[in-house]
PDB file of N, CA and C in Angstrom:
ATOM      1  N   UNK A   1     -18.856 -13.395 -29.490  1.00  0.00           N
ATOM      2  CA  UNK A   1     -17.401 -12.181 -28.903  1.00  0.00           C
ATOM      3  C   UNK A   1     -16.421 -12.958 -28.332  1.00  0.00           C
ATOM      4  N   UNK A   2     -15.200 -12.156 -28.826  1.00  0.00           N
ATOM      5  CA  UNK A   2     -13.647 -13.347 -28.383  1.00  0.00           C
ATOM      6  C   UNK A   2     -14.291 -13.288 -26.745  1.00  0.00           C
ATOM      7  N   UNK A   3     -13.125 -14.173 -26.421  1.00  0.00           N
ATOM      8  CA  UNK A   3     -13.206 -14.448 -24.797  1.00  0.00           C
ATOM      9  C   UNK A   3     -11.946 -12.892 -24.564  1.00  0.00           C
ATOM     10  N   UNK A   4     -11.976 -12.514 -23.432  1.00  0.00           N
ATOM     11  CA  UNK A   4     -11.335 -11.318 -23.310  1.00  0.00           C
ATOM     12  C   UNK A   4     -10.524 -11.521 -22.125  1.00  0.00           C
ATOM     13  N   UNK A   5      -9.344 -11.225 -22.114  1.00  0.00           N
ATOM     14  CA  UNK A   5      -7.915 -11.893 -20.595  1.00  0.00           C
ATOM     15  C   UNK A   5      -8.457 -10.921 -19.290  1.00  0.00           C
ATOM     16  N   UNK A   6      -7.942 -10.577 -18.340  1.00  0.00           N
ATOM     17  CA  UNK A   6      -8.529 -10.004 -17.415  1.00  0.00           C
ATOM     18  C   UNK A   6      -8.051  -9.107 -17.543  1.00  0.00           C
ATOM     19  N   UNK A   7      -6.520  -9.309 -18.527  1.00  0.00           N
ATOM     20  CA  UNK A   7      -5.324  -7.673 -18.239  1.00  0.00           C
ATOM     21  C   UNK A   7      -6.046  -6.689 -19.289  1.00  0.00           C
ATOM     22  N   UNK A   8      -6.637  -7.765 -20.612  1.00  0.00           N
ATOM     23  CA  UNK A   8      -7.387  -6.514 -21.174  1.00  0.00           C
ATOM     24  C   UNK A   8      -8.723  -6.104 -20.621  1.00  0.00           C
ATOM     25  N   UNK A   9      -9.130  -6.927 -20.220  1.00  0.00           N
ATOM     26  CA  UNK A   9      -9.855  -6.285 -19.445  1.00  0.00           C
ATOM     27  C   UNK A   9     -10.549  -5.154 -18.619  1.00  0.00           C
ATOM     28  N   UNK A  10      -9.145  -4.701 -17.580  1.00  0.00           N
ATOM     29  CA  UNK A  10      -8.454  -4.297 -17.286  1.00  0.00           C
ATOM     30  C   UNK A  10      -8.787  -2.740 -17.824  1.00  0.00           C
ATOM     31  N   UNK A  11      -7.862  -2.985 -19.412  1.00  0.00           N
ATOM     32  CA  UNK A  11      -7.678  -1.730 -20.206  1.00  0.00           C
ATOM     33  C   UNK A  11      -8.863  -1.066 -20.143  1.00  0.00           C
ATOM     34  N   UNK A  12      -9.978  -2.247 -21.102  1.00  0.00           N
ATOM     35  CA  UNK A  12     -10.919  -1.928 -21.524  1.00  0.00           C
ATOM     36  C   UNK A  12     -11.630  -0.793 -20.224  1.00  0.00           C
ATOM     37  N   UNK A  13     -11.822  -1.309 -19.445  1.00  0.00           N
ATOM     38  CA  UNK A  13     -12.579  -0.763 -17.829  1.00  0.00           C
ATOM     39  C   UNK A  13     -12.158   0.696 -17.934  1.00  0.00           C
ATOM     40  N   UNK A  14     -10.744   0.607 -17.844  1.00  0.00           N
ATOM     41  CA  UNK A  14      -9.657   2.186 -17.724  1.00  0.00           C
ATOM     42  C   UNK A  14     -10.365   2.496 -18.779  1.00  0.00           C
ATOM     43  N   UNK A  15     -10.265   2.772 -20.197  1.00  0.00           N
ATOM     44  CA  UNK A  15     -10.406   3.928 -21.254  1.00  0.00           C
ATOM     45  C   UNK A  15     -12.047   4.036 -21.388  1.00  0.00           C
ATOM     46  N   UNK A  16     -13.213   2.823 -20.864  1.00  0.00           N
ATOM     47  CA  UNK A  16     -14.697   3.381 -20.623  1.00  0.00           C
ATOM     48  C   UNK A  16     -14.615   4.470 -19.412  1.00  0.00           C
ATOM     49  N   UNK A  17     -13.264   4.610 -17.913  1.00  0.00           N
ATOM     50  CA  UNK A  17     -13.951   5.392 -17.196  1.00  0.00           C
ATOM     51  C   UNK A  17     -13.582   7.136 -17.518  1.00  0.00           C
ATOM     52  N   UNK A  18     -12.164   6.361 -18.225  1.00  0.00           N
ATOM     53  CA  UNK A  18     -11.458   7.585 -18.183  1.00  0.00           C
ATOM     54  C   UNK A  18     -12.734   8.175 -19.485  1.00  0.00           C
ATOM     55  N   UNK A  19     -13.002   7.622 -20.286  1.00  0.00           N
ATOM     56  CA  UNK A  19     -14.050   8.327 -21.104  1.00  0.00           C
ATOM     57  C   UNK A  19     -15.068   8.945 -20.631  1.00  0.00           C
ATOM     58  N   UNK A  20     -16.174   7.744 -19.717  1.00  0.00           N
ATOM     59  CA  UNK A  20     -17.261   8.375 -18.949  1.00  0.00           C
ATOM     60  C   UNK A  20     -17.028  10.217 -17.891  1.00  0.00           C
ATOM     61  N   UNK A  21     -16.046   9.457 -17.430  1.00  0.00           N
ATOM     62  CA  UNK A  21     -14.882  10.504 -16.387  1.00  0.00           C
ATOM     63  C   UNK A  21     -14.348  11.691 -17.118  1.00  0.00           C
ATOM     64  N   UNK A  22     -14.085  11.498 -18.010  1.00  0.00           N
ATOM     65  CA  UNK A  22     -13.579  13.043 -19.057  1.00  0.00           C
ATOM     66  C   UNK A  22     -11.940  13.347 -18.402  1.00  0.00           C
ATOM     67  N   UNK A  23     -11.605  12.188 -17.170  1.00  0.00           N
ATOM     68  CA  UNK A  23     -10.381  12.845 -16.826  1.00  0.00           C
ATOM     69  C   UNK A  23      -9.550  11.344 -16.785  1.00  0.00           C
ATOM     70  N   UNK A  24      -7.935  11.971 -17.040  1.00  0.00           N
ATOM     71  CA  UNK A  24      -7.237  10.387 -16.870  1.00  0.00           C
ATOM     72  C   UNK A  24      -6.633   9.788 -15.610  1.00  0.00           C
ATOM     73  N   UNK A  25      -7.131  10.922 -14.706  1.00  0.00           N
ATOM     74  CA  UNK A  25      -7.023  10.130 -12.445  1.00  0.00           C
ATOM     75  C   UNK A  25      -7.192   9.096 -13.182  1.00  0.00           C
ATOM     76  N   UNK A  26      -8.317   8.485 -13.128  1.00  0.00           N
ATOM     77  CA  UNK A  26      -8.791   7.185 -13.241  1.00  0.00           C
ATOM     78  C   UNK A  26      -7.420   6.130 -13.755  1.00  0.00           C
ATOM     79  N   UNK A  27      -6.610   6.329 -14.447  1.00  0.00           N
ATOM     80  CA  UNK A  27      -5.804   5.543 -14.919  1.00  0.00           C
ATOM     81  C   UNK A  27      -4.899   5.861 -13.594  1.00  0.00           C
ATOM     82  N   UNK A  28      -4.236   7.028 -13.450  1.00  0.00           N
ATOM     83  CA  UNK A  28      -3.322   7.875 -12.560  1.00  0.00           C
ATOM     84  C   UNK A  28      -3.249   6.715 -11.721  1.00  0.00           C
ATOM     85  N   UNK A  29      -4.665   6.939 -10.492  1.00  0.00           N
ATOM     86  CA  UNK A  29      -5.023   6.527  -8.883  1.00  0.00           C
ATOM     87  C   UNK A  29      -5.806   6.272  -9.210  1.00  0.00           C
ATOM     88  N   UNK A  30      -5.805   4.153  -9.249  1.00  0.00           N
ATOM     89  CA  UNK A  30      -7.131   3.171  -9.299  1.00  0.00           C
ATOM     90  C   UNK A  30      -8.137   2.701  -8.005  1.00  0.00           C
ATOM     91  N   UNK A  31      -7.259   3.911  -6.817  1.00  0.00           N
ATOM     92  CA  UNK A  31      -8.213   4.079  -5.699  1.00  0.00           C
ATOM     93  C   UNK A  31      -8.652   4.947  -5.370  1.00  0.00           C
ATOM     94  N   UNK A  32      -9.530   6.052  -6.446  1.00  0.00           N
ATOM     95  CA  UNK A  32      -9.995   7.509  -5.948  1.00  0.00           C
ATOM     96  C   UNK A  32     -11.303   7.003  -6.105  1.00  0.00           C
ATOM     97  N   UNK A  33     -12.073   7.317  -5.027  1.00  0.00           N
ATOM     98  CA  UNK A  33     -13.461   7.319  -5.221  1.00  0.00           C
ATOM     99  C   UNK A  33     -14.015   8.221  -6.275  1.00  0.00           C
ATOM    100  N   UNK A  34     -14.605   7.559  -7.241  1.00  0.00           N
ATOM    101  CA  UNK A  34     -15.319   8.242  -8.691  1.00  0.00           C
ATOM    102  C   UNK A  34     -16.654   9.022  -7.625  1.00  0.00           C
ATOM    103  N   UNK A  35     -17.185   8.114  -6.672  1.00  0.00           N
ATOM    104  CA  UNK A  35     -18.502   8.821  -6.453  1.00  0.00           C
ATOM    105  C   UNK A  35     -18.298  10.270  -5.613  1.00  0.00           C
ATOM    106  N   UNK A  36     -16.976  10.757  -4.354  1.00  0.00           N
ATOM    107  CA  UNK A  36     -16.753  11.503  -3.701  1.00  0.00           C
ATOM    108  C   UNK A  36     -16.184  12.416  -4.312  1.00  0.00           C
ATOM    109  N   UNK A  37     -15.159  12.517  -5.316  1.00  0.00           N
ATOM    110  CA  UNK A  37     -14.661  12.894  -6.809  1.00  0.00           C
ATOM    111  C   UNK A  37     -15.462  13.574  -7.346  1.00  0.00           C
ATOM    112  N   UNK A  38     -16.954  13.097  -8.179  1.00  0.00           N
ATOM    113  CA  UNK A  38     -17.894  13.711  -8.966  1.00  0.00           C
ATOM    114  C   UNK A  38     -17.795  13.156  -9.740  1.00  0.00           C
ATOM    115  N   UNK A  39     -17.043  12.405 -10.871  1.00  0.00           N
ATOM    116  CA  UNK A  39     -16.071  12.029 -11.326  1.00  0.00           C
ATOM    117  C   UNK A  39     -17.547  11.101 -12.574  1.00  0.00           C
ATOM    118  N   UNK A  40     -17.623  10.603 -11.592  1.00  0.00           N
ATOM    119  CA  UNK A  40     -18.965   9.493 -12.222  1.00  0.00           C
ATOM    120  C   UNK A  40     -20.691   9.511 -11.373  1.00  0.00           C
ATOM    121  N   UNK A  41     -22.041  10.107 -12.878  1.00  0.00           N
ATOM    122  CA  UNK A  41     -22.751   9.784 -11.660  1.00  0.00           C
ATOM    123  C   UNK A  41     -23.931   8.264 -12.384  1.00  0.00           C
ATOM    124  N   UNK A  42     -25.259   8.381 -11.913  1.00  0.00           N
ATOM    125  CA  UNK A  42     -25.575   7.022 -11.659  1.00  0.00           C
ATOM    126  C   UNK A  42     -26.106   6.993 -13.196  1.00  0.00           C
ATOM    127  N   UNK A  43     -25.641   7.728 -14.320  1.00  0.00           N
ATOM    128  CA  UNK A  43     -26.353   7.845 -15.691  1.00  0.00           C
ATOM    129  C   UNK A  43     -25.017   7.509 -16.183  1.00  0.00           C
ATOM    130  N   UNK A  44     -23.992   8.093 -15.579  1.00  0.00           N
ATOM    131  CA  UNK A  44     -22.347   7.107 -15.910  1.00  0.00           C
ATOM    132  C   UNK A  44     -22.562   5.604 -15.674  1.00  0.00           C
ATOM    133  N   UNK A  45     -22.926   5.963 -14.492  1.00  0.00           N
ATOM    134  CA  UNK A  45     -22.993   3.913 -13.313  1.00  0.00           C
ATOM    135  C   UNK A  45     -23.755   3.316 -14.503  1.00  0.00           C
ATOM    136  N   UNK A  46     -24.078   3.765 -15.478  1.00  0.00           N
ATOM    137  CA  UNK A  46     -25.402   2.747 -15.774  1.00  0.00           C
ATOM    138  C   UNK A  46     -25.014   2.605 -17.750  1.00  0.00           C
ATOM    139  N   UNK A  47     -24.159   3.181 -17.581  1.00  0.00           N
ATOM    140  CA  UNK A  47     -23.218   3.668 -18.981  1.00  0.00           C
ATOM    141  C   UNK A  47     -22.336   2.644 -19.271  1.00  0.00           C
ATOM    142  N   UNK A  48     -21.492   2.918 -18.041  1.00  0.00           N
ATOM    143  CA  UNK A  48     -20.960   1.820 -17.386  1.00  0.00           C
ATOM    144  C   UNK A  48     -21.135   0.429 -17.495  1.00  0.00           C
ATOM    145  N   UNK A  49     -21.752   0.346 -17.336  1.00  0.00           N
ATOM    146  CA  UNK A  49     -22.155  -1.335 -16.812  1.00  0.00           C
ATOM    147  C   UNK A  49     -22.385  -2.037 -18.060  1.00  0.00           C
ATOM    148  N   UNK A  50     -23.537  -1.152 -19.099  1.00  0.00           N
ATOM    149  CA  UNK A  50     -23.798  -1.702 -20.266  1.00  0.00           C
ATOM    150  C   UNK A  50     -22.495  -1.704 -20.881  1.00  0.00           C
ATOM    151  N   UNK A  51     -21.337  -0.714 -20.973  1.00  0.00           N
ATOM    152  CA  UNK A  51     -20.170  -0.765 -21.799  1.00  0.00           C
ATOM    153  C   UNK A  51     -19.199  -2.215 -21.526  1.00  0.00           C
ATOM    154  N   UNK A  52     -19.205  -2.163 -20.015  1.00  0.00           N
ATOM    155  CA  UNK A  52     -18.972  -3.420 -19.743  1.00  0.00           C
ATOM    156  C   UNK A  52     -19.438  -4.672 -20.376  1.00  0.00           C
ATOM    157  N   UNK A  53     -20.531  -5.054 -20.460  1.00  0.00           N
ATOM    158  CA  UNK A  53     -21.844  -6.488 -21.229  1.00  0.00           C
ATOM    159  C   UNK A  53     -20.737  -5.901 -22.423  1.00  0.00           C
ATOM    160  N   UNK A  54     -21.406  -4.981 -23.178  1.00  0.00           N
ATOM    161  CA  UNK A  54     -20.929  -5.062 -24.669  1.00  0.00           C
ATOM    162  C   UNK A  54     -19.659  -5.641 -25.064  1.00  0.00           C
ATOM    163  N   UNK A  55     -18.573  -5.133 -24.292  1.00  0.00           N
ATOM    164  CA  UNK A  55     -16.859  -4.856 -24.734  1.00  0.00           C
ATOM    165  C   UNK A  55     -16.455  -6.458 -23.965  1.00  0.00           C
ATOM    166  N   UNK A  56     -16.945  -6.940 -22.704  1.00  0.00           N
ATOM    167  CA  UNK A  56     -15.956  -7.763 -21.748  1.00  0.00           C
ATOM    168  C   UNK A  56     -16.834  -8.606 -21.806  1.00  0.00           C
ATOM    169  N   UNK A  57     -18.361  -8.557 -21.981  1.00  0.00           N
ATOM    170  CA  UNK A  57     -19.232  -9.820 -21.625  1.00  0.00           C
ATOM    171  C   UNK A  57     -19.908  -9.945 -20.855  1.00  0.00           C
ATOM    172  N   UNK A  58     -19.416  -9.139 -19.988  1.00  0.00           N
ATOM    173  CA  UNK A  58     -19.776  -9.448 -18.329  1.00  0.00           C
ATOM    174  C   UNK A  58     -20.951  -8.289 -18.207  1.00  0.00           C
ATOM    175  N   UNK A  59     -22.507  -9.591 -17.227  1.00  0.00           N
ATOM    176  CA  UNK A  59     -23.321  -9.126 -17.355  1.00  0.00           C
ATOM    177  C   UNK A  59     -23.653  -8.689 -15.954  1.00  0.00           C
ATOM    178  N   UNK A  60     -23.830  -6.667 -15.354  1.00  0.00           N
ATOM    179  CA  UNK A  60     -23.834  -6.511 -13.982  1.00  0.00           C
ATOM    180  C   UNK A  60     -24.979  -5.583 -13.929  1.00  0.00           C
ATOM    181  N   UNK A  61     -26.085  -6.036 -12.751  1.00  0.00           N
ATOM    182  CA  UNK A  61     -26.921  -6.079 -12.982  1.00  0.00           C
ATOM    183  C   UNK A  61     -27.103  -4.304 -12.015  1.00  0.00           C
ATOM    184  N   UNK A  62     -27.256  -3.413 -12.161  1.00  0.00           N
ATOM    185  CA  UNK A  62     -27.603  -2.441 -11.020  1.00  0.00           C
ATOM    186  C   UNK A  62     -27.517  -2.632 -10.047  1.00  0.00           C
ATOM    187  N   UNK A  63     -28.846  -3.458  -9.697  1.00  0.00           N
ATOM    188  CA  UNK A  63     -29.332  -4.017  -8.638  1.00  0.00           C
ATOM    189  C   UNK A  63     -29.082  -4.694  -7.790  1.00  0.00           C
ATOM    190  N   UNK A  64     -28.025  -5.118  -8.707  1.00  0.00           N
ATOM    191  CA  UNK A  64     -27.465  -6.474  -7.733  1.00  0.00           C
ATOM    192  C   UNK A  64     -26.118  -5.761  -6.813  1.00  0.00           C
ATOM    193  N   UNK A  65     -25.369  -4.571  -7.129  1.00  0.00           N
ATOM    194  CA  UNK A  65     -24.091  -3.872  -6.493  1.00  0.00           C
ATOM    195  C   UNK A  65     -24.939  -3.086  -5.998  1.00  0.00           C
ATOM    196  N   UNK A  66     -24.020  -3.379  -4.789  1.00  0.00           N
ATOM    197  CA  UNK A  66     -23.644  -1.539  -4.115  1.00  0.00           C
ATOM    198  C   UNK A  66     -22.546  -0.620  -4.311  1.00  0.00           C
ATOM    199  N   UNK A  67     -23.048   0.426  -4.055  1.00  0.00           N
ATOM    200  CA  UNK A  67     -21.866   1.626  -4.548  1.00  0.00           C
ATOM    201  C   UNK A  67     -20.076   1.428  -4.127  1.00  0.00           C
ATOM    202  N   UNK A  68     -21.230   1.024  -2.446  1.00  0.00           N
ATOM    203  CA  UNK A  68     -19.359   1.149  -2.130  1.00  0.00           C
ATOM    204  C   UNK A  68     -18.618  -0.515  -2.896  1.00  0.00           C
ATOM    205  N   UNK A  69     -19.257  -1.387  -3.883  1.00  0.00           N
ATOM    206  CA  UNK A  69     -18.923  -2.425  -4.178  1.00  0.00           C
ATOM    207  C   UNK A  69     -17.695  -1.896  -5.340  1.00  0.00           C
ATOM    208  N   UNK A  70     -18.214  -0.612  -6.034  1.00  0.00           N
ATOM    209  CA  UNK A  70     -17.685  -0.084  -7.545  1.00  0.00           C
ATOM    210  C   UNK A  70     -17.556   1.628  -7.249  1.00  0.00           C
ATOM    211  N   UNK A  71     -16.976   1.880  -6.209  1.00  0.00           N
ATOM    212  CA  UNK A  71     -16.431   2.935  -6.575  1.00  0.00           C
ATOM    213  C   UNK A  71     -15.098   3.879  -6.890  1.00  0.00           C
ATOM    214  N   UNK A  72     -14.348   2.498  -7.192  1.00  0.00           N
ATOM    215  CA  UNK A  72     -12.942   3.106  -7.309  1.00  0.00           C
ATOM    216  C   UNK A  72     -12.879   2.640  -8.624  1.00  0.00           C
ATOM    217  N   UNK A  73     -12.104   2.904  -9.002  1.00  0.00           N
ATOM    218  CA  UNK A  73     -11.531   1.872 -11.015  1.00  0.00           C
ATOM    219  C   UNK A  73     -10.786   0.492 -10.236  1.00  0.00           C
ATOM    220  N   UNK A  74     -10.260   0.318  -8.805  1.00  0.00           N
ATOM    221  CA  UNK A  74      -9.591  -1.110  -8.585  1.00  0.00           C
ATOM    222  C   UNK A  74     -10.778  -1.817  -8.554  1.00  0.00           C
ATOM    223  N   UNK A  75     -11.747  -1.417  -7.429  1.00  0.00           N
ATOM    224  CA  UNK A  75     -12.967  -2.165  -7.034  1.00  0.00           C
ATOM    225  C   UNK A  75     -14.102  -2.560  -8.731  1.00  0.00           C
ATOM    226  N   UNK A  76     -13.800  -1.863  -9.123  1.00  0.00           N
ATOM    227  CA  UNK A  76     -14.630  -1.771 -11.004  1.00  0.00           C
ATOM    228  C   UNK A  76     -14.274  -3.458 -11.020  1.00  0.00           C
ATOM    229  N   UNK A  77     -12.871  -2.937 -11.231  1.00  0.00           N
ATOM    230  CA  UNK A  77     -12.229  -4.191 -12.300  1.00  0.00           C
ATOM    231  C   UNK A  77     -12.033  -5.520 -11.622  1.00  0.00           C
ATOM    232  N   UNK A  78     -11.886  -5.509 -10.235  1.00  0.00           N
ATOM    233  CA  UNK A  78     -12.009  -6.332  -9.518  1.00  0.00           C
ATOM    234  C   UNK A  78     -13.318  -7.843  -9.687  1.00  0.00           C
ATOM    235  N   UNK A  79     -14.203  -6.871  -9.687  1.00  0.00           N
ATOM    236  CA  UNK A  79     -15.644  -7.614 -10.231  1.00  0.00           C
ATOM    237  C   UNK A  79     -15.869  -8.182 -11.074  1.00  0.00           C
ATOM    238  N   UNK A  80     -15.556  -7.394 -11.869  1.00  0.00           N
ATOM    239  CA  UNK A  80     -15.448  -7.603 -13.401  1.00  0.00           C
ATOM    240  C   UNK A  80     -14.543  -8.925 -13.471  1.00  0.00           C
ATOM    241  N   UNK A  81     -13.468  -8.402 -13.085  1.00  0.00           N
ATOM    242  CA  UNK A  81     -13.013  -9.846 -13.459  1.00  0.00           C
ATOM    243  C   UNK A  81     -13.110 -11.011 -12.539  1.00  0.00           C
ATOM    244  N   UNK A  82     -13.983 -10.950 -11.222  1.00  0.00           N
ATOM    245  CA  UNK A  82     -14.035 -12.076 -10.408  1.00  0.00           C
ATOM    246  C   UNK A  82     -15.525 -12.760 -11.241  1.00  0.00           C
ATOM    247  N   UNK A  83     -16.281 -11.551 -12.553  1.00  0.00           N
ATOM    248  CA  UNK A  83     -16.963 -12.638 -13.053  1.00  0.00           C
ATOM    249  C   UNK A  83     -16.830 -13.353 -14.254  1.00  0.00           C
ATOM    250  N   UNK A  84     -15.665 -12.569 -14.318  1.00  0.00           N
ATOM    251  CA  UNK A  84     -15.252 -13.618 -15.795  1.00  0.00           C
ATOM    252  C   UNK A  84     -14.860 -15.293 -15.871  1.00  0.00           C
TER     253      UNK A  84
END
């Protein structure tokens, strides 16, 4: 797998979130709470983690992350970039 830049990772994550949530608001408001707005559920969350691993090469185990650490696009991007 080719190394992904942090900027490219951000775009990939936003693409994933837009696809999973079915709403481009995730690009317009990076601080929207995905859980409170019912844009993502537990199954979607697992899909996102698998997509991050497949496309970016960062492994995120659901058990090691609290929901509050991954409830906005900005937080998700930050966590993934911090592990690159």
